[in-house]
Amino acid sequence: MIKSMTGFGKVEYELSDRTISISIRSINSKQLDIIFRLPPAYRDYESDFRAELVKIAQRGKIDVSVSHTMNAESIASSINKDVVAAYFDEIQSIGCNIGIDVDSPNILQAILNLPGVFDTEKDENNREKESVLACFREALCRFNSYREQEGAALIADILNRVENIENLLQQVEPFEKERINQIKTRIENLFNEFVPEAQIDKNRFEQELIYYLEKLDITEEKVRLKQHCSYFRKTVDEENPGRKIGFICQEMGREINTLGSKANDVNIQQFVVQMKDELEKIKEQILNVL
């Protein structure tokens, strides 16, 4: 299933002593770029988070934010008062030595973020780590579901624009024969105006005219463009087709440009401009496809 590189997933999980909040969000990027924002208590989990994330995220700039809020009873029982007092005394001493008035409430808030303030006992059964990882997997599942929903909307819009290109190509055909007749008539009139009829080699003229009209023929470009559109539809059903359909778009663009350069007709040129517009919108959307 095609996915968007834009995604979001968030989960809040209640433990006995704290509330864990995990959010995962991503935007477009050519490579996989993961940024973790973890509290000190969970920094050792980064490798586990990364291992889970790379399983489903091939590309994109991904921001993982983890926070936890301890309940009042847990905070009161886990604060190491001796460590807090030691930090406070040391900071006040430094403030006096350098002549800075120390604001106690602000100092206390800063001290609570310093290492060693909270007594954390290792869970022998590793239950807390498993709970946190379970929370992360749930956030990752929601993140992946969001990407799939966005991808479904993206591909619906892209395929609609591919269909528009095919319809515009069909509208070129009625003007194609008329264009050839107009070019042939214009060339014949120019010869009749500037070259005496007696000096015209009819056979040579017909040969040159056919050669010139063959160079302006757009049948091959039309056939190849149709094939590219058909191949595009098949490719979007593949796993992670983002790069591949980007290459197909390049080939579609070449055929549309060649068709426009050979058109030599104002009506066909208008259809070519519309096809280019649809193709540019497809390319913009593909930038967000995984």
Foldseek 3Di string as FASTA:
>chain_A
DWFFQFFKFWDWDDDPFKIKIKMKTWDFDPAEAEAEADAPVCPVCVVVLVVVQVVQRGGTYMYMYMDMGTDPVQLVVFFDVVQLVVQVVVVVVVCVVVVHDDDVVVSSVVSVSDPPGTHDDDDPVCVVVVRVVVRSVNRSVRRRVRRVVVRVVLVVLLLVLLVVLLVLLVVCVVVQVVQLVVVVVVVVVVCVVPPPPVPDDVVVVVVVSVVVVVQLDLVVLSVVLVVLSVVLVVQVPDPQSLVVNLVSLVVNVVSLVSNCVSVNDPVNVVSSVSSVVSSVVSNVSSSRID
